[in-house]
Every structure is written in structure tokens, then in C-alpha cells.
N, C-alpha and C. Protein backbone atom coordinates (compact mmCIF):
# COMPACT_ATOMS: atom_id res chain seq x y z
N UNK A 1 117.69 119.17 83.71
CA UNK A 1 119.12 119.21 83.51
C UNK A 1 119.56 120.61 83.09
N UNK A 2 118.96 121.62 83.63
CA UNK A 2 119.31 122.98 83.25
C UNK A 2 120.58 123.47 83.93
N UNK A 3 121.16 122.66 84.80
CA UNK A 3 122.36 123.09 85.51
C UNK A 3 123.65 122.79 84.75
N UNK A 4 123.55 122.24 83.56
CA UNK A 4 124.75 121.98 82.75
C UNK A 4 124.64 122.75 81.44
N UNK A 5 125.77 123.17 80.89
CA UNK A 5 125.72 123.89 79.61
C UNK A 5 125.23 122.99 78.48
N UNK A 6 124.55 123.57 77.47
CA UNK A 6 124.10 122.77 76.33
C UNK A 6 125.27 122.03 75.69
N UNK A 7 124.99 120.85 75.15
CA UNK A 7 125.95 119.99 74.46
C UNK A 7 126.99 119.37 75.41
N UNK A 8 126.71 119.38 76.70
CA UNK A 8 127.60 118.77 77.68
C UNK A 8 127.43 117.26 77.70
N UNK A 9 128.41 116.58 78.26
CA UNK A 9 128.30 115.16 78.56
C UNK A 9 128.19 115.04 80.07
N UNK A 10 127.15 114.38 80.53
CA UNK A 10 126.92 114.20 81.96
C UNK A 10 127.11 112.74 82.31
N UNK A 11 127.97 112.47 83.27
CA UNK A 11 128.22 111.10 83.71
C UNK A 11 127.17 110.71 84.75
N UNK A 12 126.62 109.52 84.60
CA UNK A 12 125.59 109.03 85.51
C UNK A 12 126.11 107.78 86.21
N UNK A 13 126.23 107.85 87.52
CA UNK A 13 126.68 106.70 88.30
C UNK A 13 125.55 105.67 88.38
N UNK A 14 125.91 104.41 88.57
CA UNK A 14 124.91 103.35 88.70
C UNK A 14 124.09 103.63 89.96
N UNK A 15 122.88 103.13 89.97
CA UNK A 15 122.04 103.28 91.15
C UNK A 15 120.58 103.48 90.79
N UNK A 16 119.80 103.74 91.82
CA UNK A 16 118.36 103.98 91.68
C UNK A 16 118.10 105.46 91.93
N UNK A 17 117.40 106.10 91.02
CA UNK A 17 117.12 107.53 91.11
C UNK A 17 115.61 107.73 91.13
N UNK A 18 115.10 108.18 92.27
CA UNK A 18 113.67 108.44 92.40
C UNK A 18 113.41 109.89 91.98
N UNK A 19 113.13 110.08 90.69
CA UNK A 19 112.90 111.42 90.19
C UNK A 19 112.18 111.40 88.85
N UNK A 20 111.73 112.56 88.46
CA UNK A 20 111.10 112.79 87.17
C UNK A 20 112.04 113.74 86.43
N UNK A 21 112.51 113.32 85.27
CA UNK A 21 113.58 114.04 84.57
C UNK A 21 113.03 114.70 83.31
N UNK A 22 113.39 115.97 83.12
CA UNK A 22 113.11 116.67 81.87
C UNK A 22 114.44 117.14 81.29
N UNK A 23 114.72 116.72 80.06
CA UNK A 23 115.93 117.16 79.35
C UNK A 23 115.45 118.09 78.26
N UNK A 24 115.91 119.34 78.30
CA UNK A 24 115.38 120.35 77.38
C UNK A 24 116.48 121.02 76.55
N UNK A 25 117.61 120.37 76.44
CA UNK A 25 118.70 120.90 75.63
C UNK A 25 119.56 119.74 75.16
N UNK A 26 120.43 120.02 74.20
CA UNK A 26 121.34 118.98 73.70
C UNK A 26 122.21 118.49 74.86
N UNK A 27 122.26 117.18 75.04
CA UNK A 27 122.97 116.61 76.18
C UNK A 27 123.29 115.15 75.90
N UNK A 28 124.46 114.71 76.32
CA UNK A 28 124.82 113.30 76.24
C UNK A 28 124.88 112.75 77.65
N UNK A 29 124.16 111.67 77.90
CA UNK A 29 124.22 110.98 79.19
C UNK A 29 125.10 109.76 79.01
N UNK A 30 126.08 109.61 79.89
CA UNK A 30 127.04 108.52 79.77
C UNK A 30 127.10 107.78 81.10
N UNK A 31 126.81 106.48 81.07
CA UNK A 31 126.85 105.68 82.28
C UNK A 31 128.26 105.37 82.71
N UNK A 32 128.46 105.30 84.01
CA UNK A 32 129.76 104.94 84.59
C UNK A 32 129.66 103.50 85.08
N UNK A 33 130.54 102.65 84.58
CA UNK A 33 130.56 101.25 84.98
C UNK A 33 131.36 101.11 86.27
N UNK A 34 130.80 100.41 87.22
CA UNK A 34 131.51 100.23 88.49
C UNK A 34 131.40 98.81 88.99
N UNK A 35 132.40 97.98 88.70
CA UNK A 35 132.47 96.61 89.22
C UNK A 35 131.18 95.83 88.95
N UNK A 36 130.74 95.83 87.70
CA UNK A 36 129.52 95.14 87.28
C UNK A 36 128.25 95.74 87.88
N UNK A 37 128.36 96.91 88.46
CA UNK A 37 127.18 97.61 88.98
C UNK A 37 126.86 98.73 87.99
N UNK A 38 126.40 98.35 86.81
CA UNK A 38 126.25 99.32 85.74
C UNK A 38 124.80 99.61 85.41
N UNK A 39 123.89 99.33 86.31
CA UNK A 39 122.48 99.53 86.05
C UNK A 39 122.00 100.85 86.63
N UNK A 40 121.38 101.67 85.79
CA UNK A 40 120.75 102.91 86.24
C UNK A 40 119.25 102.72 86.14
N UNK A 41 118.54 102.96 87.24
CA UNK A 41 117.10 102.79 87.28
C UNK A 41 116.48 104.10 87.75
N UNK A 42 115.59 104.66 86.93
CA UNK A 42 114.86 105.86 87.32
C UNK A 42 113.49 105.40 87.80
N UNK A 43 113.19 105.66 89.07
CA UNK A 43 111.94 105.21 89.67
C UNK A 43 111.05 106.41 89.98
N UNK A 44 109.81 106.14 90.28
CA UNK A 44 108.85 107.20 90.61
C UNK A 44 109.19 107.77 91.99
N UNK A 45 109.26 109.10 92.11
CA UNK A 45 109.53 109.71 93.41
C UNK A 45 108.39 109.44 94.40
N UNK A 46 108.67 109.56 95.68
CA UNK A 46 107.68 109.25 96.70
C UNK A 46 106.42 110.10 96.58
N UNK A 47 106.54 111.30 96.06
CA UNK A 47 105.38 112.17 95.89
C UNK A 47 104.61 111.92 94.61
N UNK A 48 105.06 110.95 93.82
CA UNK A 48 104.40 110.64 92.55
C UNK A 48 104.92 111.50 91.42
N UNK A 49 104.33 111.34 90.26
CA UNK A 49 104.72 112.09 89.07
C UNK A 49 103.74 113.22 88.83
N UNK A 50 104.24 114.32 88.30
CA UNK A 50 103.41 115.47 87.94
C UNK A 50 103.26 115.51 86.43
N UNK A 51 102.11 115.94 85.96
CA UNK A 51 101.92 116.11 84.51
C UNK A 51 102.92 117.14 84.02
N UNK A 52 103.69 116.78 82.99
CA UNK A 52 104.71 117.69 82.48
C UNK A 52 104.64 117.89 80.97
N UNK A 53 103.60 117.33 80.36
CA UNK A 53 103.38 117.48 78.92
C UNK A 53 101.90 117.23 78.66
N UNK A 54 101.42 117.74 77.54
CA UNK A 54 100.01 117.56 77.18
C UNK A 54 99.90 116.66 75.95
N UNK A 55 98.98 115.72 76.01
CA UNK A 55 98.77 114.80 74.89
C UNK A 55 98.08 115.53 73.74
N UNK A 56 98.01 114.89 72.58
CA UNK A 56 97.33 115.47 71.42
C UNK A 56 95.86 115.73 71.70
N UNK A 57 95.28 114.96 72.62
CA UNK A 57 93.86 115.15 72.97
C UNK A 57 93.67 116.17 74.08
N UNK A 58 94.77 116.80 74.53
CA UNK A 58 94.67 117.85 75.54
C UNK A 58 94.76 117.39 76.98
N UNK A 59 95.02 116.12 77.21
CA UNK A 59 95.12 115.61 78.58
C UNK A 59 96.55 115.70 79.08
N UNK A 60 96.71 115.96 80.36
CA UNK A 60 98.03 116.00 80.97
C UNK A 60 98.64 114.60 81.03
N UNK A 61 99.92 114.51 80.75
CA UNK A 61 100.65 113.25 80.79
C UNK A 61 101.86 113.43 81.69
N UNK A 62 102.11 112.47 82.56
CA UNK A 62 103.27 112.51 83.45
C UNK A 62 104.35 111.61 82.89
N UNK A 63 105.25 112.18 82.11
CA UNK A 63 106.35 111.40 81.55
C UNK A 63 107.45 111.24 82.59
N UNK A 64 107.93 110.03 82.75
CA UNK A 64 109.02 109.76 83.70
C UNK A 64 110.30 110.45 83.25
N UNK A 65 110.65 110.28 81.98
CA UNK A 65 111.80 110.98 81.38
C UNK A 65 111.26 111.68 80.14
N UNK A 66 111.30 113.00 80.14
CA UNK A 66 110.78 113.80 79.04
C UNK A 66 111.93 114.49 78.34
N UNK A 67 112.05 114.27 77.03
CA UNK A 67 113.08 114.93 76.23
C UNK A 67 112.36 115.91 75.31
N UNK A 68 112.69 117.19 75.47
CA UNK A 68 112.09 118.24 74.64
C UNK A 68 113.15 118.85 73.75
N UNK A 69 112.73 119.40 72.62
CA UNK A 69 113.65 120.10 71.70
C UNK A 69 114.82 119.21 71.29
N UNK A 70 114.54 117.98 70.94
CA UNK A 70 115.59 117.01 70.62
C UNK A 70 116.39 117.38 69.37
N UNK A 71 115.86 118.25 68.52
CA UNK A 71 116.54 118.60 67.28
C UNK A 71 117.49 119.77 67.43
N UNK A 72 117.61 120.33 68.59
CA UNK A 72 118.46 121.50 68.76
C UNK A 72 119.85 121.12 69.17
């Protein structure tokens, strides 16, 4: 989500999103309700997930939605 300024509110339309998301700045995600179609589903992309964080034991982990720097 680096394409929006920090502390922005991003509207998310209902639907299925095949992606791996990393949020690395202050951001508010707000769902848009559309005629009872208010479900947002983040699914695994066709190419699979890539390791985007390292576990405490040093192994790569592929987080579907990764939030970094949550205190900023």
C-alpha cells in the first residue's frame, strides 16, 4: 500500500482479491457496502505466496496480510 500517503483512509470494494498484501504505514481500510455484497475476501494469488517475513527461528513465512510498523 505504498501508493497512498501515510494516515490515509482507503476504501475497499466488496469482492475477491487474489493477492498478498503488505501494509507498512499508518492506514485505515474501510469497506464499502453494496446491496448486501459487503464481503471482502483476500485469496492466494495464482503464483502462490512468497516469504515476506522471518520467524523467530529464522524460517521464512508467507503472510497473506502483513502489517509492519503498526505503532507509527
